[in-house]
Amino acid sequence: MSLPSFADVKEALQKKWSSLSQNFKAEQKQHIKNIDTSAYAQVFVERVVNNIPAKEDEIDAYLNMHKANLLRSAKILSEESQVQILKALQEIDRRLMYWHYQKNHWWGYFFGKNPLKWVIGKSQVEEIEENIVLLKNKQQELYFCLGELSAHEQSYLISFNDYLASYEWIDQTLEVLSHVTGDNAEYAFYERDFISIIGRLSSGLKVVASLDAAILSSIASTAMPYHFTRNWLRYGLVLAGASYAYKNPELVDSLVGPEALQRYQASLTENFKESVADPLENIGRRLFGIGGTNADIQGLRKSLETYLDVLAKPKYAGWGPGYITPEQKILILSEEMKGNLAPLQSLLDSLPKKAHNFIFGDNFIQGESLLLNLRGYHAAEMFAMLRNVALLTPATIAGWIGYSGYKKVSEYDYKIIRYALADIAKLIVTKDIAQDNAAYGKLLYSIYNLKQKVTRDIFGEDRRLFLHDLKQLESRAQNVDAKKQVIDSMFKQYSFLKA
């Protein structure tokens, strides 16, 4: 039996290669459209791992055929990991705020922590300081990882062009993430270690959804105490009070029983009448002539009306005009209701001042008497009104404070967004921020927080444009000068950023 010629062997290998290529391309097309989330990427990578050819000479072609989708899966892992890191940084910020507050209000923490810590463990000062240091160190570490992942993504598109570069990019992504998860193993890229890289990629995709929890587990001692632990003293006092009330039902009835509620209602009604209703009625009567009047002023006003009727009669035994017209009478009465006695005074001044008027002029004497009495009444009314204004002042101030608080809550204050953008501008102008991964990671975290505020508090076209501008600020493709121009344009363009 003769051996096959070299040409026959070459032709057979080419046919086999063509068949494998067609199968791999078909499989690639089947999955490439589905790789847009970490879940789909995980399924795809696991399928690649499970279907690795057994024959050595087929592995290279298999891995080369799937490099694009594997690279895309690694990119999804990187993006999802950054989201999880940002969430962990937010929790670290909350913890830092908590522990800084406890540092300045140590009595509150003393009664808001587990009572066992009073007798065992570190001192309170040491515990708080250590937690703050741990959180700050982890914060800087995560800033650096964010910046490093962002810098590494710059070479993502270039890696598609080369077989080795694709797997090297995946390997470097996994190496950066190993620092985040606390995996201290040293990974060096070897040309023939592709299968190991795919296995590590599959493992990373399986746990990326809970990466923030894995990060925070390394600083578990810094977690804020549970709600019940922080409020155990309050709950204890409530339980003690409930127990005492249960044993003394008569005390409960005296405080919240039907008779007590009736007393409260009567007291509230009386206080409202004395402090609000009566003063308002008095002020309204004084300023606008509305509301009830007492018997004395009613008598005085009746006498004044009768007196004016007499003056309106003819002067000379039933013929000729009187001292006042009907219109003047109405004017004097209406002005007196408002507390203005000037028209009445003017009338009395216009009456004849002859001797017989003072001796025998009952009309003149009666008018002066009415004027004096009305002046006394209105002086007392003015004093009462000033007193009532003073009584109403606390209620007015309380109402104004309540309205101001409601207005502050109902009208959104955009200063938070304005200050956040100003802080981002300071980070951008930092020297060599593009080369400082920790500083760039802090910038990405600040932009992430601002994005959340904008998504929640700004609507319509402004939100879309604002988020687009923030996308430019976080892009490494934009240099410092370009980003400064974007920020200047934002402060000019958006009305809510103007002070």
Protein backbone atom coordinates (compact mmCIF):
# COMPACT_ATOMS: atom_id res chain seq x y z
CA MET A 1 0.00 0.00 0.00
CA SER A 2 1.49 3.28 -1.11
CA LEU A 3 1.62 6.31 1.15
CA PRO A 4 -0.55 9.34 0.23
CA SER A 5 1.25 12.10 -1.51
CA PHE A 6 1.95 15.43 0.10
CA ALA A 7 -0.63 17.08 -2.14
CA ASP A 8 -3.31 14.64 -1.01
CA VAL A 9 -2.53 15.28 2.66
CA LYS A 10 -2.59 19.04 2.11
CA GLU A 11 -5.94 18.83 0.32
CA ALA A 12 -7.45 16.70 3.10
CA LEU A 13 -6.26 19.13 5.76
CA GLN A 14 -7.66 22.10 3.84
CA LYS A 15 -11.06 20.40 3.55
CA LYS A 16 -11.07 19.65 7.27
CA TRP A 17 -10.06 23.21 8.09
CA SER A 18 -12.80 24.57 5.83
CA SER A 19 -15.38 22.32 7.50
CA LEU A 20 -14.29 23.41 10.97
CA SER A 21 -14.32 27.06 9.91
CA GLN A 22 -17.85 26.82 8.59
CA ASN A 23 -19.06 25.12 11.78
CA PHE A 24 -17.34 27.68 13.98
CA LYS A 25 -18.70 30.60 11.94
CA ALA A 26 -22.22 29.22 12.14
CA GLU A 27 -21.88 28.81 15.92
CA GLN A 28 -20.41 32.27 16.22
CA LYS A 29 -23.35 33.84 14.35
CA GLN A 30 -25.73 31.92 16.56
CA HIS A 31 -24.37 33.48 19.76
CA ILE A 32 -22.95 36.86 18.83
CA LYS A 33 -26.34 38.58 18.83
CA ASN A 34 -27.12 37.36 22.33
CA ILE A 35 -23.98 38.58 24.09
CA ASP A 36 -25.21 41.88 25.49
CA THR A 37 -25.50 41.13 29.22
CA SER A 38 -23.34 39.36 31.77
CA ALA A 39 -25.87 36.51 31.96
CA TYR A 40 -25.68 35.81 28.21
CA ALA A 41 -21.91 36.21 28.28
CA GLN A 42 -21.68 33.65 31.08
CA VAL A 43 -23.77 31.13 29.11
CA PHE A 44 -21.66 31.65 26.01
CA VAL A 45 -18.31 31.32 27.78
CA GLU A 46 -19.45 28.17 29.58
CA ARG A 47 -20.49 26.69 26.23
CA VAL A 48 -17.09 27.52 24.79
CA VAL A 49 -15.37 25.84 27.74
CA ASN A 50 -17.56 22.74 27.53
CA ASN A 51 -17.00 22.33 23.77
CA ILE A 52 -13.23 22.70 23.61
CA PRO A 53 -11.97 20.09 21.11
CA ALA A 54 -10.18 17.09 22.49
CA LYS A 55 -7.62 17.08 19.71
CA GLU A 56 -4.65 19.36 20.17
CA ASP A 57 -4.45 20.41 16.53
CA GLU A 58 -8.07 21.69 16.57
CA ILE A 59 -7.82 23.88 19.68
CA ASP A 60 -6.07 26.85 18.05
CA ALA A 61 -8.64 27.10 15.29
CA TYR A 62 -11.47 26.79 17.86
CA LEU A 63 -10.09 29.52 20.11
CA ASN A 64 -9.29 31.79 17.19
CA MET A 65 -12.84 31.45 15.90
CA HIS A 66 -14.35 32.50 19.26
CA LYS A 67 -11.90 35.25 20.16
CA ALA A 68 -14.29 38.09 19.18
CA ASN A 69 -17.16 36.85 21.32
CA LEU A 70 -14.85 36.01 24.20
CA LEU A 71 -13.39 39.50 23.96
CA ARG A 72 -16.89 40.97 24.00
CA SER A 73 -17.72 38.84 27.05
CA ALA A 74 -14.64 40.17 28.83
CA LYS A 75 -15.70 43.74 27.98
CA ILE A 76 -19.12 43.07 29.52
CA LEU A 77 -17.38 41.68 32.61
CA SER A 78 -15.29 44.86 32.84
CA GLU A 79 -18.32 47.15 32.46
CA GLU A 80 -20.42 45.23 34.99
CA SER A 81 -17.50 45.14 37.41
CA GLN A 82 -17.20 48.92 37.22
CA VAL A 83 -20.89 49.27 38.07
CA GLN A 84 -20.44 46.99 41.07
CA ILE A 85 -17.36 48.92 42.19
CA LEU A 86 -19.32 52.18 41.97
CA LYS A 87 -22.07 50.69 44.13
CA ALA A 88 -19.48 49.57 46.67
CA LEU A 89 -18.02 53.08 46.71
CA GLN A 90 -21.45 54.52 47.48
CA GLU A 91 -21.81 52.18 50.44
CA ILE A 92 -18.31 53.14 51.60
CA ASP A 93 -19.32 56.81 51.45
CA ARG A 94 -22.38 56.10 53.60
CA ARG A 95 -20.23 54.28 56.13
CA LEU A 96 -17.67 57.07 56.21
CA MET A 97 -20.41 59.61 56.90
CA TYR A 98 -21.76 57.40 59.69
CA TRP A 99 -18.41 56.88 61.41
CA HIS A 100 -17.36 60.53 61.08
CA TYR A 101 -20.67 61.49 62.72
CA GLN A 102 -20.08 59.01 65.55
CA LYS A 103 -16.59 60.41 66.03
CA ASN A 104 -18.06 63.86 66.69
CA HIS A 105 -21.07 62.54 68.67
CA TRP A 106 -19.51 59.78 70.71
CA TRP A 107 -22.24 59.78 73.37
CA GLY A 108 -24.80 58.89 70.72
CA TYR A 109 -22.71 55.94 69.55
CA PHE A 110 -22.05 54.87 73.14
CA PHE A 111 -25.77 54.27 73.65
CA GLY A 112 -26.32 53.15 70.06
CA LYS A 113 -23.94 50.20 69.90
CA ASN A 114 -24.06 46.66 71.17
CA PRO A 115 -23.78 46.85 75.00
CA LEU A 116 -21.26 43.98 74.87
CA LYS A 117 -18.80 46.43 73.33
CA TRP A 118 -18.83 48.37 76.59
CA VAL A 119 -16.86 45.61 78.28
CA ILE A 120 -15.09 43.70 75.48
CA GLY A 121 -13.14 44.60 72.36
CA LYS A 122 -11.42 47.82 71.42
CA SER A 123 -12.12 51.18 72.92
CA GLN A 124 -14.71 53.29 71.16
CA VAL A 125 -12.13 55.82 69.91
CA GLU A 126 -9.91 53.07 68.49
CA GLU A 127 -12.84 51.32 66.84
CA ILE A 128 -14.07 54.47 65.09
CA GLU A 129 -10.61 55.56 63.94
CA GLU A 130 -9.76 52.09 62.62
CA ASN A 131 -13.01 51.89 60.68
CA ILE A 132 -12.40 55.28 59.08
CA VAL A 133 -8.86 54.28 58.05
CA LEU A 134 -10.05 50.93 56.60
CA LEU A 135 -12.78 52.62 54.60
CA LYS A 136 -10.49 55.31 53.21
CA ASN A 137 -7.90 52.74 52.17
CA LYS A 138 -10.51 50.60 50.43
CA GLN A 139 -11.91 53.72 48.79
CA GLN A 140 -8.53 54.65 47.31
CA GLU A 141 -8.00 51.06 46.18
CA LEU A 142 -11.32 51.04 44.34
CA TYR A 143 -10.64 54.45 42.79
CA PHE A 144 -7.40 53.02 41.39
CA CYS A 145 -9.13 49.91 40.03
CA LEU A 146 -11.79 52.03 38.34
CA GLY A 147 -9.16 54.19 36.70
CA GLU A 148 -7.12 51.14 35.67
CA LEU A 149 -10.12 49.42 34.06
CA SER A 150 -10.99 52.65 32.26
CA ALA A 151 -7.46 53.00 30.90
CA HIS A 152 -7.36 49.34 29.88
CA GLU A 153 -10.56 49.71 27.82
CA GLN A 154 -8.76 52.10 25.47
CA SER A 155 -7.07 49.16 23.74
CA TYR A 156 -10.26 47.11 23.46
CA LEU A 157 -11.04 47.75 19.79
CA ILE A 158 -7.43 47.27 18.72
CA SER A 159 -7.41 43.82 20.32
CA PHE A 160 -9.94 42.52 17.80
CA ASN A 161 -7.31 42.61 15.08
CA ASP A 162 -4.96 40.06 16.59
CA TYR A 163 -5.47 36.57 18.00
CA LEU A 164 -2.86 36.85 20.74
CA ALA A 165 -3.82 40.47 21.58
CA SER A 166 -7.44 39.41 22.18
CA TYR A 167 -6.55 36.87 24.84
CA GLU A 168 -3.92 39.14 26.33
CA TRP A 169 -6.57 41.86 26.73
CA ILE A 170 -8.88 39.39 28.45
CA ASP A 171 -6.03 38.23 30.70
CA GLN A 172 -5.14 41.80 31.75
CA THR A 173 -8.80 42.56 32.53
CA LEU A 174 -8.96 39.53 34.81
CA GLU A 175 -5.71 40.54 36.47
CA VAL A 176 -7.06 43.99 37.37
CA LEU A 177 -10.25 42.45 38.75
CA SER A 178 -8.22 39.99 40.81
CA HIS A 179 -6.97 42.97 42.86
CA VAL A 180 -10.55 44.04 43.53
CA THR A 181 -11.67 40.64 44.76
CA GLY A 182 -8.58 40.12 46.88
CA ASP A 183 -7.16 37.35 44.70
CA ASN A 184 -3.43 37.87 45.21
CA ALA A 185 -2.30 35.14 42.83
CA GLU A 186 0.14 36.32 40.17
CA TYR A 187 -1.06 35.70 36.62
CA ALA A 188 1.44 35.96 33.80
CA PHE A 189 0.30 35.80 30.20
CA TYR A 190 1.54 32.73 28.35
CA GLU A 191 0.85 32.17 24.70
CA ARG A 192 -0.44 28.62 25.26
CA ASP A 193 -2.55 29.42 28.39
CA PHE A 194 -5.73 30.43 26.58
CA ILE A 195 -7.90 27.69 28.05
CA SER A 196 -6.99 28.80 31.57
CA ILE A 197 -7.90 32.39 30.66
CA ILE A 198 -11.31 31.28 29.40
CA GLY A 199 -11.88 29.34 32.62
CA ARG A 200 -11.07 32.39 34.72
CA LEU A 201 -13.34 34.52 32.53
CA SER A 202 -16.19 32.07 33.13
CA SER A 203 -15.58 32.19 36.90
CA GLY A 204 -15.56 36.00 36.88
CA LEU A 205 -18.86 36.21 35.01
CA LYS A 206 -20.48 33.88 37.53
CA VAL A 207 -19.74 36.15 40.51
CA VAL A 208 -19.78 39.63 38.95
CA ALA A 209 -23.42 40.25 39.93
CA SER A 210 -22.43 40.11 43.61
CA LEU A 211 -19.01 41.73 43.27
CA ASP A 212 -20.00 44.70 45.46
CA ALA A 213 -20.88 42.32 48.30
CA ALA A 214 -17.56 40.52 47.85
CA ILE A 215 -15.71 43.85 48.03
CA LEU A 216 -17.53 44.97 51.17
CA SER A 217 -17.03 41.59 52.85
CA SER A 218 -13.33 42.43 53.13
CA ILE A 219 -14.24 45.39 55.38
CA ALA A 220 -17.18 43.80 57.18
CA SER A 221 -16.10 45.28 60.51
CA THR A 222 -16.90 48.78 59.21
CA ALA A 223 -20.58 48.03 58.56
CA MET A 224 -23.09 50.23 60.37
CA PRO A 225 -24.88 48.47 63.25
CA TYR A 226 -28.34 47.15 62.48
CA HIS A 227 -31.35 49.38 63.16
CA PHE A 228 -32.37 47.51 66.30
CA THR A 229 -28.82 47.64 67.65
CA ARG A 230 -28.66 51.40 67.10
CA ASN A 231 -32.02 51.93 68.81
CA TRP A 232 -32.03 49.25 71.51
CA LEU A 233 -32.25 51.85 74.30
CA ARG A 234 -35.31 53.52 72.77
CA TYR A 235 -37.08 50.24 72.20
CA GLY A 236 -36.22 49.20 75.74
CA LEU A 237 -37.77 52.36 77.16
CA VAL A 238 -40.87 51.87 75.01
CA LEU A 239 -41.26 48.30 76.24
CA ALA A 240 -40.78 49.42 79.84
CA GLY A 241 -43.41 52.12 79.38
CA ALA A 242 -45.82 49.66 77.76
CA SER A 243 -45.31 47.23 80.63
CA TYR A 244 -45.98 49.94 83.23
CA ALA A 245 -49.09 51.09 81.37
CA TYR A 246 -50.39 47.53 81.21
CA LYS A 247 -50.03 47.20 84.97
CA ASN A 248 -51.64 50.62 85.59
CA PRO A 249 -54.72 50.91 83.32
CA GLU A 250 -56.14 53.81 85.35
CA LEU A 251 -53.14 55.91 84.33
CA VAL A 252 -53.79 55.13 80.67
CA ASP A 253 -57.46 56.10 81.04
CA SER A 254 -56.50 59.39 82.67
CA LEU A 255 -54.24 60.20 79.75
CA VAL A 256 -56.01 58.80 76.68
CA GLY A 257 -59.41 57.67 77.91
CA PRO A 258 -62.74 59.10 76.62
CA GLU A 259 -62.97 61.72 79.39
CA ALA A 260 -59.36 62.78 78.82
CA LEU A 261 -59.99 63.14 75.09
CA GLN A 262 -63.03 65.32 75.79
CA ARG A 263 -60.95 67.49 78.10
CA TYR A 264 -58.27 67.82 75.43
CA GLN A 265 -60.90 68.81 72.85
CA ALA A 266 -62.44 71.43 75.16
CA SER A 267 -59.03 72.80 76.08
CA LEU A 268 -58.00 72.98 72.43
CA THR A 269 -61.21 74.78 71.47
CA GLU A 270 -60.85 77.28 74.31
CA ASN A 271 -57.19 77.96 73.56
CA PHE A 272 -57.93 78.41 69.86
CA LYS A 273 -60.71 80.88 70.66
CA GLU A 274 -58.59 82.88 73.10
CA SER A 275 -55.35 82.81 71.13
CA VAL A 276 -56.56 82.95 67.51
CA ALA A 277 -60.29 83.52 66.92
CA ASP A 278 -60.88 86.41 69.38
CA PRO A 279 -57.69 88.30 68.45
CA LEU A 280 -58.48 87.96 64.75
CA GLU A 281 -62.03 89.19 65.31
CA ASN A 282 -60.78 92.16 67.29
CA ILE A 283 -58.21 93.08 64.64
CA GLY A 284 -60.79 92.72 61.87
CA ARG A 285 -63.24 94.92 63.75
CA ARG A 286 -60.58 97.50 64.43
CA LEU A 287 -59.17 97.66 60.90
CA PHE A 288 -62.17 96.88 58.71
CA GLY A 289 -65.23 97.38 60.93
CA ILE A 290 -66.23 93.69 60.73
CA GLY A 291 -67.03 91.20 63.44
CA GLY A 292 -69.04 91.45 66.64
CA THR A 293 -69.14 94.46 69.03
CA ASN A 294 -69.83 94.77 72.73
CA ALA A 295 -72.88 96.44 74.34
CA ASP A 296 -71.04 99.65 75.28
CA ILE A 297 -69.94 100.54 71.79
CA GLN A 298 -73.37 99.65 70.42
CA GLY A 299 -74.95 102.14 72.82
CA LEU A 300 -72.43 104.85 71.93
CA ARG A 301 -73.01 104.37 68.22
CA LYS A 302 -76.79 104.48 68.68
CA SER A 303 -76.43 107.76 70.58
CA LEU A 304 -74.15 109.13 67.88
CA GLU A 305 -76.66 108.26 65.17
CA THR A 306 -79.48 109.98 67.14
CA TYR A 307 -77.30 113.03 67.72
CA LEU A 308 -76.50 113.30 64.00
CA ASP A 309 -80.21 112.98 63.16
CA VAL A 310 -80.89 116.01 65.37
CA LEU A 311 -78.17 118.03 63.66
CA ALA A 312 -79.58 117.11 60.26
CA LYS A 313 -82.94 118.80 61.09
CA PRO A 314 -83.62 122.38 59.92
CA LYS A 315 -81.98 125.08 62.03
CA TYR A 316 -84.88 127.59 62.10
CA ALA A 317 -88.17 126.23 63.48
CA GLY A 318 -88.78 123.67 60.81
CA TRP A 319 -87.36 125.44 57.74
CA GLY A 320 -83.88 125.80 56.21
CA PRO A 321 -80.96 123.33 56.03
CA GLY A 322 -79.55 121.45 59.03
CA TYR A 323 -75.97 121.51 60.29
CA ILE A 324 -75.11 118.36 58.29
CA THR A 325 -76.35 116.61 55.18
CA PRO A 326 -77.37 112.91 55.01
CA GLU A 327 -74.15 112.19 53.12
CA GLN A 328 -72.06 113.71 55.92
CA LYS A 329 -73.96 111.64 58.46
CA ILE A 330 -73.15 108.39 56.59
CA LEU A 331 -69.50 109.42 56.28
CA ILE A 332 -69.13 110.16 60.02
CA LEU A 333 -70.73 106.83 61.01
CA SER A 334 -68.70 104.72 58.58
CA GLU A 335 -65.40 106.37 59.53
CA GLU A 336 -66.10 105.89 63.23
CA MET A 337 -66.52 102.15 62.60
CA LYS A 338 -62.96 102.19 61.30
CA GLY A 339 -61.72 104.14 64.32
CA ASN A 340 -61.45 107.47 62.49
CA LEU A 341 -63.05 110.28 64.55
CA ALA A 342 -61.71 113.16 62.45
CA PRO A 343 -65.03 113.80 60.55
CA LEU A 344 -66.91 114.01 63.88
CA GLN A 345 -64.30 116.38 65.31
CA SER A 346 -64.55 118.53 62.19
CA LEU A 347 -68.34 118.72 62.58
CA LEU A 348 -68.11 119.82 66.22
CA ASP A 349 -65.53 122.45 65.32
CA SER A 350 -67.90 123.88 62.71
CA LEU A 351 -70.79 124.37 65.14
CA PRO A 352 -71.42 127.97 66.40
CA LYS A 353 -69.38 128.86 69.52
CA LYS A 354 -71.61 131.54 71.02
CA ALA A 355 -72.20 131.83 74.78
CA HIS A 356 -75.76 130.59 74.75
CA ASN A 357 -74.54 127.44 72.89
CA PHE A 358 -72.27 126.53 75.80
CA ILE A 359 -74.93 127.32 78.42
CA PHE A 360 -78.13 126.19 76.72
CA GLY A 361 -76.79 124.23 73.66
CA ASP A 362 -77.52 120.64 74.57
CA ASN A 363 -76.49 119.52 71.10
CA PHE A 364 -72.99 120.90 71.43
CA ILE A 365 -72.42 119.48 74.92
CA GLN A 366 -73.78 116.08 73.91
CA GLY A 367 -71.50 116.00 70.86
CA GLU A 368 -68.38 116.72 72.92
CA SER A 369 -69.38 114.02 75.42
CA LEU A 370 -69.87 111.47 72.65
CA LEU A 371 -66.50 112.37 71.14
CA LEU A 372 -64.69 111.87 74.45
CA ASN A 373 -66.37 108.51 75.07
CA LEU A 374 -65.62 107.28 71.56
CA ARG A 375 -61.98 108.34 71.87
CA GLY A 376 -61.68 106.38 75.09
CA TYR A 377 -63.25 103.31 73.52
CA HIS A 378 -61.05 103.41 70.42
CA ALA A 379 -57.91 103.94 72.52
CA ALA A 380 -58.78 100.81 74.49
CA GLU A 381 -59.50 98.97 71.22
CA MET A 382 -56.13 99.98 69.79
CA PHE A 383 -54.35 98.70 72.90
CA ALA A 384 -56.28 95.42 72.69
CA MET A 385 -55.43 95.06 69.01
CA LEU A 386 -51.72 95.55 69.65
CA ARG A 387 -51.94 93.00 72.43
CA ASN A 388 -53.70 90.54 70.12
CA VAL A 389 -51.12 91.08 67.40
CA ALA A 390 -48.48 90.19 69.96
CA LEU A 391 -50.46 87.08 70.90
CA LEU A 392 -50.74 86.04 67.26
CA THR A 393 -47.05 86.61 66.52
CA PRO A 394 -45.88 83.10 67.61
CA ALA A 395 -48.60 81.48 65.50
CA THR A 396 -47.69 83.71 62.55
CA ILE A 397 -44.01 82.87 62.88
CA ALA A 398 -44.79 79.16 63.15
CA GLY A 399 -47.00 79.36 60.05
CA TRP A 400 -44.30 81.20 58.13
CA ILE A 401 -41.70 78.62 59.12
CA GLY A 402 -44.05 75.82 58.05
CA TYR A 403 -44.73 77.45 54.71
CA SER A 404 -41.04 78.08 54.12
CA GLY A 405 -40.29 74.45 54.91
CA TYR A 406 -42.99 73.25 52.52
CA LYS A 407 -41.71 75.57 49.81
CA LYS A 408 -38.17 74.32 50.32
CA VAL A 409 -39.27 70.70 50.02
CA SER A 410 -41.63 71.23 47.08
CA GLU A 411 -39.21 73.34 45.04
CA TYR A 412 -36.06 71.43 44.10
CA ASP A 413 -32.80 73.16 44.86
CA TYR A 414 -30.37 72.67 41.99
CA LYS A 415 -27.40 73.82 44.06
CA ILE A 416 -26.50 70.17 44.70
CA ILE A 417 -26.08 69.55 40.96
CA ARG A 418 -24.25 72.84 40.51
CA TYR A 419 -21.77 72.08 43.30
CA ALA A 420 -21.25 68.50 42.07
CA LEU A 421 -20.35 69.74 38.59
CA ALA A 422 -17.98 72.30 40.11
CA ASP A 423 -16.24 69.50 42.05
CA ILE A 424 -15.90 67.50 38.82
CA ALA A 425 -14.34 70.54 37.15
CA LYS A 426 -11.73 70.71 39.94
CA LEU A 427 -10.86 67.04 39.43
CA ILE A 428 -10.50 67.48 35.67
CA VAL A 429 -8.00 70.31 35.94
CA THR A 430 -5.87 68.25 38.33
CA LYS A 431 -2.40 67.83 36.90
CA ASP A 432 -1.79 64.56 35.04
CA ILE A 433 -5.19 63.12 35.92
CA ALA A 434 -5.05 60.96 32.78
CA GLN A 435 -1.91 59.27 34.14
CA ASP A 436 -3.23 58.99 37.72
CA ASN A 437 -5.61 56.02 37.79
CA ALA A 438 -6.76 56.75 41.35
CA ALA A 439 -7.64 60.37 40.48
CA TYR A 440 -9.39 59.28 37.30
CA GLY A 441 -11.31 56.64 39.21
CA LYS A 442 -12.50 59.32 41.64
CA LEU A 443 -13.60 61.42 38.65
CA LEU A 444 -15.63 58.49 37.25
CA TYR A 445 -17.26 57.97 40.65
CA SER A 446 -18.19 61.66 40.94
CA ILE A 447 -19.72 61.60 37.45
CA TYR A 448 -21.64 58.42 38.31
CA ASN A 449 -23.20 60.08 41.38
CA LEU A 450 -24.10 63.18 39.36
CA LYS A 451 -25.70 61.01 36.67
CA GLN A 452 -27.98 59.49 39.27
CA LYS A 453 -29.02 62.92 40.57
CA VAL A 454 -29.70 64.18 37.05
CA THR A 455 -31.71 61.07 36.12
CA ARG A 456 -33.84 61.54 39.22
CA ASP A 457 -34.32 65.32 39.27
CA ILE A 458 -34.09 66.62 35.69
CA PHE A 459 -36.54 65.77 32.92
CA GLY A 460 -37.07 66.06 29.20
CA GLU A 461 -34.49 67.27 26.72
CA ASP A 462 -32.32 68.84 29.42
CA ARG A 463 -31.75 65.42 30.98
CA ARG A 464 -30.75 63.83 27.67
CA LEU A 465 -28.32 66.61 26.77
CA PHE A 466 -26.87 66.78 30.29
CA LEU A 467 -26.17 63.04 30.37
CA HIS A 468 -24.54 63.29 26.93
CA ASP A 469 -22.24 66.01 28.25
CA LEU A 470 -21.32 63.90 31.26
CA LYS A 471 -20.48 61.04 28.90
CA GLN A 472 -17.92 63.31 27.26
CA LEU A 473 -16.44 64.24 30.62
CA GLU A 474 -15.81 60.61 31.61
CA SER A 475 -14.33 59.68 28.24
CA ARG A 476 -10.55 59.31 28.10
CA ALA A 477 -10.69 60.24 24.42
CA GLN A 478 -11.31 63.87 25.49
CA ASN A 479 -8.29 65.81 26.74
CA VAL A 480 -8.37 68.27 29.63
CA ASP A 481 -8.92 71.34 27.46
CA ALA A 482 -11.85 69.73 25.64
CA LYS A 483 -13.46 68.75 28.95
CA LYS A 484 -13.02 72.26 30.32
CA GLN A 485 -14.84 73.61 27.27
CA VAL A 486 -17.66 71.12 27.83
CA ILE A 487 -18.05 72.26 31.46
CA ASP A 488 -18.00 75.95 30.50
CA SER A 489 -20.68 75.25 27.89
CA MET A 490 -22.80 73.36 30.46
CA PHE A 491 -22.82 76.26 32.92
CA LYS A 492 -23.88 78.62 30.13
CA GLN A 493 -26.43 76.32 28.49
CA TYR A 494 -28.49 75.00 31.41
CA SER A 495 -30.57 77.55 33.29
CA PHE A 496 -30.74 75.43 36.46
CA LEU A 497 -26.92 75.66 36.79
CA LYS A 498 -27.02 79.42 37.04
CA ALA A 499 -26.81 80.82 40.57
